[in-house]
PDB file of N, CA and C in Angstrom:
ATOM      1  N   MET A   1       0.952  -1.129   0.097  1.00  0.00           N
ATOM      2  CA  MET A   1      -0.248   0.009   0.073  1.00  0.00           C
ATOM      3  C   MET A   1       0.869   1.336   0.036  1.00  0.00           C
ATOM      4  N   PRO A   2       0.963   2.254  -0.705  1.00  0.00           N
ATOM      5  CA  PRO A   2       1.426   3.272  -1.030  1.00  0.00           C
ATOM      6  C   PRO A   2       1.354   4.141   0.109  1.00  0.00           C
ATOM      7  N   THR A   3       2.445   5.089   0.557  1.00  0.00           N
ATOM      8  CA  THR A   3       2.429   6.170   1.785  1.00  0.00           C
ATOM      9  C   THR A   3       2.011   7.259   0.803  1.00  0.00           C
ATOM     10  N   ASN A   4       2.094   7.571  -0.261  1.00  0.00           N
ATOM     11  CA  ASN A   4       2.129   8.744  -0.831  1.00  0.00           C
ATOM     12  C   ASN A   4       0.634   9.049  -1.267  1.00  0.00           C
ATOM     13  N   ARG A   5       0.181  10.208  -0.771  1.00  0.00           N
ATOM     14  CA  ARG A   5      -1.431  10.427  -1.009  1.00  0.00           C
ATOM     15  C   ARG A   5      -2.032  10.347  -2.099  1.00  0.00           C
ATOM     16  N   ILE A   6      -1.222  10.851  -3.105  1.00  0.00           N
ATOM     17  CA  ILE A   6      -1.684  10.742  -4.816  1.00  0.00           C
ATOM     18  C   ILE A   6      -1.587   9.557  -4.904  1.00  0.00           C
ATOM     19  N   ARG A   7      -0.601   8.279  -4.999  1.00  0.00           N
ATOM     20  CA  ARG A   7      -0.201   7.246  -5.127  1.00  0.00           C
ATOM     21  C   ARG A   7      -1.630   6.299  -4.515  1.00  0.00           C
ATOM     22  N   LYS A   8      -1.838   6.696  -3.335  1.00  0.00           N
ATOM     23  CA  LYS A   8      -2.861   5.908  -2.744  1.00  0.00           C
ATOM     24  C   LYS A   8      -3.978   6.273  -3.467  1.00  0.00           C
ATOM     25  N   LYS A   9      -4.374   7.238  -3.508  1.00  0.00           N
ATOM     26  CA  LYS A   9      -5.536   7.638  -4.617  1.00  0.00           C
ATOM     27  C   LYS A   9      -5.767   6.994  -5.703  1.00  0.00           C
ATOM     28  N   PHE A  10      -4.734   6.443  -6.665  1.00  0.00           N
ATOM     29  CA  PHE A  10      -4.548   5.843  -7.925  1.00  0.00           C
ATOM     30  C   PHE A  10      -4.775   4.464  -7.406  1.00  0.00           C
ATOM     31  N   HIS A  11      -4.153   3.952  -6.358  1.00  0.00           N
ATOM     32  CA  HIS A  11      -4.305   2.762  -5.665  1.00  0.00           C
ATOM     33  C   HIS A  11      -5.715   2.204  -5.239  1.00  0.00           C
ATOM     34  N   ASP A  12      -6.568   3.156  -4.554  1.00  0.00           N
ATOM     35  CA  ASP A  12      -7.905   3.262  -4.047  1.00  0.00           C
ATOM     36  C   ASP A  12      -8.536   3.021  -5.603  1.00  0.00           C
ATOM     37  N   LEU A  13      -8.384   3.697  -6.365  1.00  0.00           N
ATOM     38  CA  LEU A  13      -9.005   3.321  -8.255  1.00  0.00           C
ATOM     39  C   LEU A  13      -8.865   2.517  -8.691  1.00  0.00           C
ATOM     40  N   VAL A  14      -7.634   1.986  -9.104  1.00  0.00           N
ATOM     41  CA  VAL A  14      -7.390   0.600  -9.669  1.00  0.00           C
ATOM     42  C   VAL A  14      -7.429  -0.647  -9.048  1.00  0.00           C
ATOM     43  N   SER A  15      -7.631  -0.599  -7.566  1.00  0.00           N
ATOM     44  CA  SER A  15      -7.613  -1.886  -6.976  1.00  0.00           C
ATOM     45  C   SER A  15      -9.617  -1.993  -6.696  1.00  0.00           C
ATOM     46  N   SER A  16     -10.512  -1.101  -7.425  1.00  0.00           N
ATOM     47  CA  SER A  16     -12.001  -0.960  -7.186  1.00  0.00           C
ATOM     48  C   SER A  16     -12.338  -2.052  -7.910  1.00  0.00           C
ATOM     49  N   LYS A  17     -13.359  -2.330  -7.568  1.00  0.00           N
ATOM     50  CA  LYS A  17     -14.523  -3.280  -8.538  1.00  0.00           C
ATOM     51  C   LYS A  17     -14.835  -2.647  -9.820  1.00  0.00           C
ATOM     52  N   GLU A  18     -15.488  -1.125  -9.586  1.00  0.00           N
ATOM     53  CA  GLU A  18     -16.000  -0.500 -10.543  1.00  0.00           C
ATOM     54  C   GLU A  18     -14.512  -0.454 -11.622  1.00  0.00           C
ATOM     55  N   PHE A  19     -13.712  -0.060 -11.120  1.00  0.00           N
ATOM     56  CA  PHE A  19     -12.545   0.332 -12.219  1.00  0.00           C
ATOM     57  C   PHE A  19     -12.291  -1.086 -13.200  1.00  0.00           C
ATOM     58  N   ASP A  20     -12.254  -2.231 -12.283  1.00  0.00           N
ATOM     59  CA  ASP A  20     -12.125  -3.232 -13.144  1.00  0.00           C
ATOM     60  C   ASP A  20     -13.312  -3.600 -13.992  1.00  0.00           C
ATOM     61  N   LEU A  21     -14.387  -3.419 -13.928  1.00  0.00           N
ATOM     62  CA  LEU A  21     -15.594  -3.258 -14.520  1.00  0.00           C
ATOM     63  C   LEU A  21     -15.799  -2.472 -15.733  1.00  0.00           C
ATOM     64  N   VAL A  22     -15.429  -1.275 -15.536  1.00  0.00           N
ATOM     65  CA  VAL A  22     -15.354  -0.346 -16.460  1.00  0.00           C
ATOM     66  C   VAL A  22     -14.078  -0.981 -17.637  1.00  0.00           C
ATOM     67  N   ILE A  23     -12.794  -1.549 -17.276  1.00  0.00           N
ATOM     68  CA  ILE A  23     -11.940  -2.056 -18.353  1.00  0.00           C
ATOM     69  C   ILE A  23     -12.460  -3.103 -18.634  1.00  0.00           C
ATOM     70  N   MET A  24     -13.245  -4.040 -18.036  1.00  0.00           N
ATOM     71  CA  MET A  24     -13.711  -4.929 -18.767  1.00  0.00           C
ATOM     72  C   MET A  24     -14.799  -4.776 -19.887  1.00  0.00           C
ATOM     73  N   PHE A  25     -15.599  -3.662 -19.645  1.00  0.00           N
ATOM     74  CA  PHE A  25     -16.432  -3.040 -20.457  1.00  0.00           C
ATOM     75  C   PHE A  25     -15.908  -2.751 -21.824  1.00  0.00           C
ATOM     76  N   PHE A  26     -14.485  -1.874 -21.703  1.00  0.00           N
ATOM     77  CA  PHE A  26     -13.864  -1.509 -22.701  1.00  0.00           C
ATOM     78  C   PHE A  26     -13.376  -2.779 -23.482  1.00  0.00           C
ATOM     79  N   ILE A  27     -12.757  -3.881 -22.687  1.00  0.00           N
ATOM     80  CA  ILE A  27     -12.166  -4.622 -23.389  1.00  0.00           C
ATOM     81  C   ILE A  27     -13.296  -5.671 -24.213  1.00  0.00           C
ATOM     82  N   ALA A  28     -14.309  -5.696 -23.801  1.00  0.00           N
ATOM     83  CA  ALA A  28     -15.477  -6.207 -24.502  1.00  0.00           C
ATOM     84  C   ALA A  28     -15.966  -5.571 -25.746  1.00  0.00           C
ATOM     85  N   LEU A  29     -16.008  -4.364 -25.633  1.00  0.00           N
ATOM     86  CA  LEU A  29     -16.406  -3.358 -26.645  1.00  0.00           C
ATOM     87  C   LEU A  29     -15.054  -3.365 -27.918  1.00  0.00           C
ATOM     88  N   ASN A  30     -13.945  -3.812 -27.371  1.00  0.00           N
ATOM     89  CA  ASN A  30     -12.774  -3.493 -28.043  1.00  0.00           C
ATOM     90  C   ASN A  30     -12.776  -4.922 -29.071  1.00  0.00           C
ATOM     91  N   MET A  31     -13.417  -6.141 -28.418  1.00  0.00           N
ATOM     92  CA  MET A  31     -13.317  -7.103 -29.014  1.00  0.00           C
ATOM     93  C   MET A  31     -14.408  -7.270 -30.028  1.00  0.00           C
ATOM     94  N   PHE A  32     -15.320  -6.610 -29.679  1.00  0.00           N
ATOM     95  CA  PHE A  32     -16.762  -6.501 -30.489  1.00  0.00           C
ATOM     96  C   PHE A  32     -16.271  -5.795 -31.886  1.00  0.00           C
ATOM     97  N   GLN A  33     -15.788  -4.483 -31.576  1.00  0.00           N
ATOM     98  CA  GLN A  33     -15.162  -3.723 -32.557  1.00  0.00           C
ATOM     99  C   GLN A  33     -14.142  -4.164 -33.577  1.00  0.00           C
ATOM    100  N   MET A  34     -13.216  -5.430 -32.773  1.00  0.00           N
ATOM    101  CA  MET A  34     -12.283  -6.023 -33.968  1.00  0.00           C
ATOM    102  C   MET A  34     -12.871  -6.949 -34.636  1.00  0.00           C
ATOM    103  N   CYS A  35     -14.206  -7.477 -34.164  1.00  0.00           N
ATOM    104  CA  CYS A  35     -14.982  -8.492 -35.248  1.00  0.00           C
ATOM    105  C   CYS A  35     -15.828  -7.731 -36.154  1.00  0.00           C
ATOM    106  N   LEU A  36     -16.119  -6.477 -36.302  1.00  0.00           N
ATOM    107  CA  LEU A  36     -16.881  -5.622 -37.236  1.00  0.00           C
ATOM    108  C   LEU A  36     -15.816  -5.726 -38.711  1.00  0.00           C
ATOM    109  N   GLY A  37     -14.802  -5.587 -38.480  1.00  0.00           N
ATOM    110  CA  GLY A  37     -13.817  -5.733 -39.870  1.00  0.00           C
ATOM    111  C   GLY A  37     -13.835  -6.933 -40.894  1.00  0.00           C
ATOM    112  N   TYR A  38     -13.850  -6.241 -42.161  1.00  0.00           N
ATOM    113  CA  TYR A  38     -14.127  -7.564 -43.041  1.00  0.00           C
ATOM    114  C   TYR A  38     -13.513  -6.840 -44.606  1.00  0.00           C
ATOM    115  N   GLU A  39     -13.287  -7.865 -45.088  1.00  0.00           N
ATOM    116  CA  GLU A  39     -12.403  -7.553 -46.578  1.00  0.00           C
ATOM    117  C   GLU A  39     -13.842  -6.497 -47.694  1.00  0.00           C
ATOM    118  N   GLY A  40     -13.271  -5.417 -47.738  1.00  0.00           N
ATOM    119  CA  GLY A  40     -14.608  -4.873 -48.827  1.00  0.00           C
ATOM    120  C   GLY A  40     -15.404  -3.757 -47.848  1.00  0.00           C
ATOM    121  N   ILE A  41     -14.963  -3.901 -46.663  1.00  0.00           N
ATOM    122  CA  ILE A  41     -15.601  -2.752 -45.759  1.00  0.00           C
ATOM    123  C   ILE A  41     -15.787  -1.288 -46.234  1.00  0.00           C
ATOM    124  N   ASP A  42     -16.597  -0.841 -46.088  1.00  0.00           N
ATOM    125  CA  ASP A  42     -16.844   0.380 -46.532  1.00  0.00           C
ATOM    126  C   ASP A  42     -16.336   1.601 -45.798  1.00  0.00           C
ATOM    127  N   SER A  43     -15.660   2.140 -46.437  1.00  0.00           N
ATOM    128  CA  SER A  43     -14.675   3.716 -46.049  1.00  0.00           C
ATOM    129  C   SER A  43     -15.072   4.143 -45.022  1.00  0.00           C
ATOM    130  N   THR A  44     -16.172   4.881 -44.723  1.00  0.00           N
ATOM    131  CA  THR A  44     -16.729   5.328 -43.609  1.00  0.00           C
ATOM    132  C   THR A  44     -16.899   4.319 -42.155  1.00  0.00           C
ATOM    133  N   LEU A  45     -17.162   3.336 -42.215  1.00  0.00           N
ATOM    134  CA  LEU A  45     -17.058   2.258 -41.340  1.00  0.00           C
ATOM    135  C   LEU A  45     -15.331   1.682 -40.944  1.00  0.00           C
ATOM    136  N   GLU A  46     -14.700   1.699 -42.048  1.00  0.00           N
ATOM    137  CA  GLU A  46     -13.104   1.420 -41.632  1.00  0.00           C
ATOM    138  C   GLU A  46     -12.775   2.786 -40.959  1.00  0.00           C
ATOM    139  N   HIS A  47     -13.352   3.777 -41.168  1.00  0.00           N
ATOM    140  CA  HIS A  47     -12.522   5.024 -40.356  1.00  0.00           C
ATOM    141  C   HIS A  47     -12.963   4.923 -39.244  1.00  0.00           C
ATOM    142  N   LEU A  48     -14.108   4.810 -39.003  1.00  0.00           N
ATOM    143  CA  LEU A  48     -14.513   4.643 -37.581  1.00  0.00           C
ATOM    144  C   LEU A  48     -14.051   3.565 -36.791  1.00  0.00           C
ATOM    145  N   LEU A  49     -13.753   2.318 -37.070  1.00  0.00           N
ATOM    146  CA  LEU A  49     -13.111   1.364 -36.511  1.00  0.00           C
ATOM    147  C   LEU A  49     -11.443   1.419 -36.283  1.00  0.00           C
ATOM    148  N   VAL A  50     -10.977   2.419 -37.145  1.00  0.00           N
ATOM    149  CA  VAL A  50      -9.534   2.791 -37.264  1.00  0.00           C
ATOM    150  C   VAL A  50      -9.607   3.691 -35.946  1.00  0.00           C
ATOM    151  N   LEU A  51     -10.564   4.729 -35.908  1.00  0.00           N
ATOM    152  CA  LEU A  51     -10.421   5.859 -34.517  1.00  0.00           C
ATOM    153  C   LEU A  51     -10.907   5.332 -33.560  1.00  0.00           C
ATOM    154  N   SER A  52     -11.920   4.305 -33.587  1.00  0.00           N
ATOM    155  CA  SER A  52     -12.425   3.435 -32.328  1.00  0.00           C
ATOM    156  C   SER A  52     -11.059   2.760 -31.824  1.00  0.00           C
ATOM    157  N   ASN A  53     -10.296   2.282 -32.641  1.00  0.00           N
ATOM    158  CA  ASN A  53      -9.351   1.398 -32.210  1.00  0.00           C
ATOM    159  C   ASN A  53      -8.037   2.291 -31.425  1.00  0.00           C
ATOM    160  N   HIS A  54      -8.138   3.516 -31.949  1.00  0.00           N
ATOM    161  CA  HIS A  54      -7.167   4.496 -31.181  1.00  0.00           C
ATOM    162  C   HIS A  54      -7.800   4.862 -30.004  1.00  0.00           C
ATOM    163  N   VAL A  55      -9.158   5.046 -29.740  1.00  0.00           N
ATOM    164  CA  VAL A  55      -9.662   5.221 -28.544  1.00  0.00           C
ATOM    165  C   VAL A  55      -9.398   4.120 -27.401  1.00  0.00           C
ATOM    166  N   PHE A  56      -9.781   2.953 -28.068  1.00  0.00           N
ATOM    167  CA  PHE A  56      -9.443   1.958 -27.012  1.00  0.00           C
ATOM    168  C   PHE A  56      -7.872   1.947 -26.470  1.00  0.00           C
ATOM    169  N   SER A  57      -6.814   1.818 -27.456  1.00  0.00           N
ATOM    170  CA  SER A  57      -5.726   1.979 -27.185  1.00  0.00           C
ATOM    171  C   SER A  57      -5.084   3.022 -26.204  1.00  0.00           C
ATOM    172  N   LEU A  58      -5.818   4.068 -26.376  1.00  0.00           N
ATOM    173  CA  LEU A  58      -5.902   5.422 -25.327  1.00  0.00           C
ATOM    174  C   LEU A  58      -6.178   5.006 -23.974  1.00  0.00           C
ATOM    175  N   VAL A  59      -7.479   4.258 -23.946  1.00  0.00           N
ATOM    176  CA  VAL A  59      -8.056   3.807 -22.600  1.00  0.00           C
ATOM    177  C   VAL A  59      -6.992   2.907 -21.545  1.00  0.00           C
ATOM    178  N   PHE A  60      -6.572   1.930 -22.774  1.00  0.00           N
ATOM    179  CA  PHE A  60      -5.744   0.708 -21.991  1.00  0.00           C
ATOM    180  C   PHE A  60      -4.416   1.482 -21.841  1.00  0.00           C
ATOM    181  N   LEU A  61      -4.048   2.492 -22.410  1.00  0.00           N
ATOM    182  CA  LEU A  61      -2.719   3.084 -21.985  1.00  0.00           C
ATOM    183  C   LEU A  61      -2.935   3.750 -20.740  1.00  0.00           C
ATOM    184  N   LEU A  62      -3.976   4.481 -20.816  1.00  0.00           N
ATOM    185  CA  LEU A  62      -4.305   5.214 -19.266  1.00  0.00           C
ATOM    186  C   LEU A  62      -4.561   4.218 -17.961  1.00  0.00           C
ATOM    187  N   GLU A  63      -5.086   2.982 -18.470  1.00  0.00           N
ATOM    188  CA  GLU A  63      -5.418   2.188 -17.666  1.00  0.00           C
ATOM    189  C   GLU A  63      -3.646   1.845 -16.774  1.00  0.00           C
ATOM    190  N   ALA A  64      -2.857   1.447 -18.104  1.00  0.00           N
ATOM    191  CA  ALA A  64      -1.536   1.219 -17.495  1.00  0.00           C
ATOM    192  C   ALA A  64      -0.791   2.218 -16.689  1.00  0.00           C
ATOM    193  N   ILE A  65      -0.998   3.286 -17.035  1.00  0.00           N
ATOM    194  CA  ILE A  65      -0.353   4.290 -16.507  1.00  0.00           C
ATOM    195  C   ILE A  65      -0.961   4.916 -15.018  1.00  0.00           C
ATOM    196  N   PHE A  66      -2.048   4.670 -14.941  1.00  0.00           N
ATOM    197  CA  PHE A  66      -2.584   4.396 -13.538  1.00  0.00           C
ATOM    198  C   PHE A  66      -2.340   3.553 -12.626  1.00  0.00           C
ATOM    199  N   LYS A  67      -2.039   2.396 -13.175  1.00  0.00           N
ATOM    200  CA  LYS A  67      -1.706   1.216 -11.997  1.00  0.00           C
ATOM    201  C   LYS A  67      -0.036   1.144 -12.072  1.00  0.00           C
ATOM    202  N   LEU A  68       0.699   1.761 -12.952  1.00  0.00           N
ATOM    203  CA  LEU A  68       2.264   2.056 -12.873  1.00  0.00           C
ATOM    204  C   LEU A  68       2.073   3.096 -11.822  1.00  0.00           C
ATOM    205  N   ILE A  69       1.318   4.453 -11.636  1.00  0.00           N
ATOM    206  CA  ILE A  69       1.410   5.598 -10.604  1.00  0.00           C
ATOM    207  C   ILE A  69       1.095   4.724  -9.062  1.00  0.00           C
ATOM    208  N   ALA A  70       0.060   3.413  -9.299  1.00  0.00           N
ATOM    209  CA  ALA A  70      -0.307   3.030  -7.968  1.00  0.00           C
ATOM    210  C   ALA A  70       0.344   2.115  -7.349  1.00  0.00           C
ATOM    211  N   TYR A  71       1.049   1.142  -8.391  1.00  0.00           N
ATOM    212  CA  TYR A  71       1.626   0.201  -7.708  1.00  0.00           C
ATOM    213  C   TYR A  71       3.404   0.141  -8.022  1.00  0.00           C
ATOM    214  N   GLY A  72       3.895   1.585  -8.882  1.00  0.00           N
ATOM    215  CA  GLY A  72       5.311   1.424  -9.014  1.00  0.00           C
ATOM    216  C   GLY A  72       6.007   0.547  -9.806  1.00  0.00           C
ATOM    217  N   TRP A  73       6.987   0.051  -9.608  1.00  0.00           N
ATOM    218  CA  TRP A  73       7.665  -0.847 -10.561  1.00  0.00           C
ATOM    219  C   TRP A  73       7.160  -2.406 -10.111  1.00  0.00           C
ATOM    220  N   SER A  74       6.614  -2.262  -8.947  1.00  0.00           N
ATOM    221  CA  SER A  74       5.971  -3.909  -8.632  1.00  0.00           C
ATOM    222  C   SER A  74       4.826  -4.014  -9.477  1.00  0.00           C
ATOM    223  N   TYR A  75       4.393  -3.011 -10.182  1.00  0.00           N
ATOM    224  CA  TYR A  75       3.217  -3.629 -11.278  1.00  0.00           C
ATOM    225  C   TYR A  75       3.855  -4.432 -12.335  1.00  0.00           C
ATOM    226  N   PHE A  76       5.095  -4.741 -12.475  1.00  0.00           N
ATOM    227  CA  PHE A  76       5.855  -5.737 -13.435  1.00  0.00           C
ATOM    228  C   PHE A  76       6.164  -7.021 -13.140  1.00  0.00           C
ATOM    229  N   ARG A  77       5.647  -6.946 -11.696  1.00  0.00           N
ATOM    230  CA  ARG A  77       5.842  -8.380 -10.909  1.00  0.00           C
ATOM    231  C   ARG A  77       4.697  -9.311 -10.971  1.00  0.00           C
ATOM    232  N   ASN A  78       3.741  -8.851 -11.764  1.00  0.00           N
ATOM    233  CA  ASN A  78       2.274  -9.450 -12.092  1.00  0.00           C
ATOM    234  C   ASN A  78       2.485  -9.781 -13.545  1.00  0.00           C
ATOM    235  N   ASN A  79       2.278 -11.021 -13.928  1.00  0.00           N
ATOM    236  CA  ASN A  79       2.132 -11.384 -14.990  1.00  0.00           C
ATOM    237  C   ASN A  79       1.039 -10.713 -16.431  1.00  0.00           C
ATOM    238  N   GLN A  80       0.056 -10.857 -15.750  1.00  0.00           N
ATOM    239  CA  GLN A  80      -1.107 -10.080 -16.587  1.00  0.00           C
ATOM    240  C   GLN A  80      -0.897  -8.619 -16.822  1.00  0.00           C
ATOM    241  N   ASN A  81      -0.311  -7.932 -15.570  1.00  0.00           N
ATOM    242  CA  ASN A  81       0.310  -6.629 -15.803  1.00  0.00           C
ATOM    243  C   ASN A  81       1.413  -6.558 -17.090  1.00  0.00           C
ATOM    244  N   ARG A  82       2.175  -7.440 -17.051  1.00  0.00           N
ATOM    245  CA  ARG A  82       3.354  -7.340 -18.051  1.00  0.00           C
ATOM    246  C   ARG A  82       2.711  -7.809 -19.477  1.00  0.00           C
ATOM    247  N   PHE A  83       1.646  -8.929 -19.698  1.00  0.00           N
ATOM    248  CA  PHE A  83       1.218  -8.686 -20.614  1.00  0.00           C
ATOM    249  C   PHE A  83       0.620  -7.570 -21.327  1.00  0.00           C
ATOM    250  N   ASP A  84      -0.349  -7.259 -20.126  1.00  0.00           N
ATOM    251  CA  ASP A  84      -1.182  -5.905 -20.630  1.00  0.00           C
ATOM    252  C   ASP A  84      -0.236  -4.899 -21.321  1.00  0.00           C
ATOM    253  N   PHE A  85       0.878  -4.444 -20.439  1.00  0.00           N
ATOM    254  CA  PHE A  85       1.712  -3.613 -21.014  1.00  0.00           C
ATOM    255  C   PHE A  85       2.424  -3.804 -22.195  1.00  0.00           C
ATOM    256  N   PHE A  86       2.860  -5.077 -22.478  1.00  0.00           N
ATOM    257  CA  PHE A  86       3.109  -5.455 -23.886  1.00  0.00           C
ATOM    258  C   PHE A  86       2.002  -5.223 -25.093  1.00  0.00           C
ATOM    259  N   VAL A  87       0.963  -5.449 -24.725  1.00  0.00           N
ATOM    260  CA  VAL A  87      -0.249  -5.463 -25.701  1.00  0.00           C
ATOM    261  C   VAL A  87      -0.290  -3.586 -25.640  1.00  0.00           C
ATOM    262  N   VAL A  88      -0.443  -3.028 -25.040  1.00  0.00           N
ATOM    263  CA  VAL A  88      -0.442  -1.420 -25.177  1.00  0.00           C
ATOM    264  C   VAL A  88       0.531  -0.926 -25.737  1.00  0.00           C
ATOM    265  N   ILE A  89       1.926  -1.378 -25.500  1.00  0.00           N
ATOM    266  CA  ILE A  89       3.111  -1.150 -26.297  1.00  0.00           C
ATOM    267  C   ILE A  89       2.955  -1.285 -27.806  1.00  0.00           C
ATOM    268  N   SER A  90       2.395  -2.331 -27.982  1.00  0.00           N
ATOM    269  CA  SER A  90       2.560  -3.229 -29.107  1.00  0.00           C
ATOM    270  C   SER A  90       1.251  -2.281 -30.189  1.00  0.00           C
ATOM    271  N   SER A  91       0.356  -2.181 -29.333  1.00  0.00           N
ATOM    272  CA  SER A  91      -0.712  -1.202 -29.998  1.00  0.00           C
ATOM    273  C   SER A  91      -0.348   0.299 -30.688  1.00  0.00           C
ATOM    274  N   PHE A  92       0.331   0.610 -29.729  1.00  0.00           N
ATOM    275  CA  PHE A  92       1.094   2.116 -30.073  1.00  0.00           C
ATOM    276  C   PHE A  92       1.993   1.851 -31.234  1.00  0.00           C
ATOM    277  N   PHE A  93       2.905   0.819 -31.027  1.00  0.00           N
ATOM    278  CA  PHE A  93       3.796   0.754 -31.969  1.00  0.00           C
ATOM    279  C   PHE A  93       3.062   0.285 -33.401  1.00  0.00           C
ATOM    280  N   ASP A  94       1.881  -0.392 -33.492  1.00  0.00           N
ATOM    281  CA  ASP A  94       1.328  -0.478 -34.704  1.00  0.00           C
ATOM    282  C   ASP A  94       0.625   0.759 -35.334  1.00  0.00           C
ATOM    283  N   ILE A  95       0.177   1.814 -34.262  1.00  0.00           N
ATOM    284  CA  ILE A  95      -0.227   3.065 -34.517  1.00  0.00           C
ATOM    285  C   ILE A  95       0.748   4.080 -35.435  1.00  0.00           C
ATOM    286  N   VAL A  96       1.763   3.806 -34.748  1.00  0.00           N
ATOM    287  CA  VAL A  96       3.361   4.608 -35.233  1.00  0.00           C
ATOM    288  C   VAL A  96       3.378   4.067 -36.655  1.00  0.00           C
ATOM    289  N   LEU A  97       3.328   2.757 -36.814  1.00  0.00           N
ATOM    290  CA  LEU A  97       3.510   2.412 -38.409  1.00  0.00           C
ATOM    291  C   LEU A  97       2.543   2.522 -39.195  1.00  0.00           C
ATOM    292  N   GLU A  98       1.375   2.454 -38.817  1.00  0.00           N
ATOM    293  CA  GLU A  98       0.658   3.337 -39.567  1.00  0.00           C
ATOM    294  C   GLU A  98       0.164   4.346 -39.871  1.00  0.00           C
ATOM    295  N   VAL A  99       0.743   5.189 -39.048  1.00  0.00           N
ATOM    296  CA  VAL A  99       0.936   6.582 -39.256  1.00  0.00           C
ATOM    297  C   VAL A  99       1.796   7.055 -40.415  1.00  0.00           C
ATOM    298  N   VAL A 100       3.277   6.071 -40.259  1.00  0.00           N
ATOM    299  CA  VAL A 100       4.439   6.350 -41.176  1.00  0.00           C
ATOM    300  C   VAL A 100       3.917   5.645 -42.646  1.00  0.00           C
ATOM    301  N   ARG A 101       3.315   4.385 -42.527  1.00  0.00           N
ATOM    302  CA  ARG A 101       2.827   4.084 -43.928  1.00  0.00           C
ATOM    303  C   ARG A 101       1.816   4.968 -44.601  1.00  0.00           C
ATOM    304  N   ASP A 102       0.869   5.584 -43.608  1.00  0.00           N
ATOM    305  CA  ASP A 102      -0.017   6.842 -44.450  1.00  0.00           C
ATOM    306  C   ASP A 102       0.998   7.837 -45.125  1.00  0.00           C
ATOM    307  N   LEU A 103       1.932   8.146 -44.134  1.00  0.00           N
ATOM    308  CA  LEU A 103       2.724   9.381 -44.548  1.00  0.00           C
ATOM    309  C   LEU A 103       3.738   8.782 -45.749  1.00  0.00           C
ATOM    310  N   GLY A 104       4.150   7.793 -45.961  1.00  0.00           N
ATOM    311  CA  GLY A 104       4.691   7.223 -46.837  1.00  0.00           C
ATOM    312  C   GLY A 104       3.942   7.023 -48.047  1.00  0.00           C
ATOM    313  N   SER A 105       2.901   6.617 -47.875  1.00  0.00           N
ATOM    314  CA  SER A 105       1.953   6.271 -49.083  1.00  0.00           C
ATOM    315  C   SER A 105       1.974   7.742 -49.654  1.00  0.00           C
ATOM    316  N   ASP A 106       1.868   8.737 -49.093  1.00  0.00           N
ATOM    317  CA  ASP A 106       1.390  10.106 -49.675  1.00  0.00           C
ATOM    318  C   ASP A 106       2.485  10.437 -50.871  1.00  0.00           C
ATOM    319  N   GLY A 107       3.594  10.421 -50.216  1.00  0.00           N
ATOM    320  CA  GLY A 107       4.390  10.707 -51.368  1.00  0.00           C
ATOM    321  C   GLY A 107       4.911   9.791 -52.520  1.00  0.00           C
ATOM    322  N   PHE A 108       4.255   8.695 -52.683  1.00  0.00           N
ATOM    323  CA  PHE A 108       4.382   7.723 -53.603  1.00  0.00           C
ATOM    324  C   PHE A 108       3.179   7.954 -54.643  1.00  0.00           C
ATOM    325  N   ASP A 109       1.945   8.433 -54.451  1.00  0.00           N
ATOM    326  CA  ASP A 109       0.792   8.204 -55.355  1.00  0.00           C
ATOM    327  C   ASP A 109       1.099   8.716 -56.581  1.00  0.00           C
ATOM    328  N   ASP A 110       2.511   9.487 -56.908  1.00  0.00           N
ATOM    329  CA  ASP A 110       2.321   9.879 -58.217  1.00  0.00           C
ATOM    330  C   ASP A 110       3.271   8.940 -58.896  1.00  0.00           C
ATOM    331  N   LEU A 111       3.983   8.173 -58.627  1.00  0.00           N
ATOM    332  CA  LEU A 111       4.778   7.201 -59.262  1.00  0.00           C
ATOM    333  C   LEU A 111       4.185   5.917 -59.835  1.00  0.00           C
TER     334      LEU A 111
END
């Protein structure tokens, strides 16, 4: 249990049942969102799915940050937290690659 007042507030938040339920809700929504993609998808729906993926990535990043503040380095002692952190970092790496791809493809449209 952290002694720092701010870290204790974060600890109380991330240890609460309500926080777990909200995160589980976002996980379920994210799984549903991933099921909506298909070959030949309408561009508007595709854009909405990409945008929602970014929102979910941000929510899961905030979860990891809150837990890091609450638990400090002991956050990484839990295998589930390590896996979640890997998934969050991987999703942002994917977003960076997506942005680089989009920037790179704009320069080659005339070829």
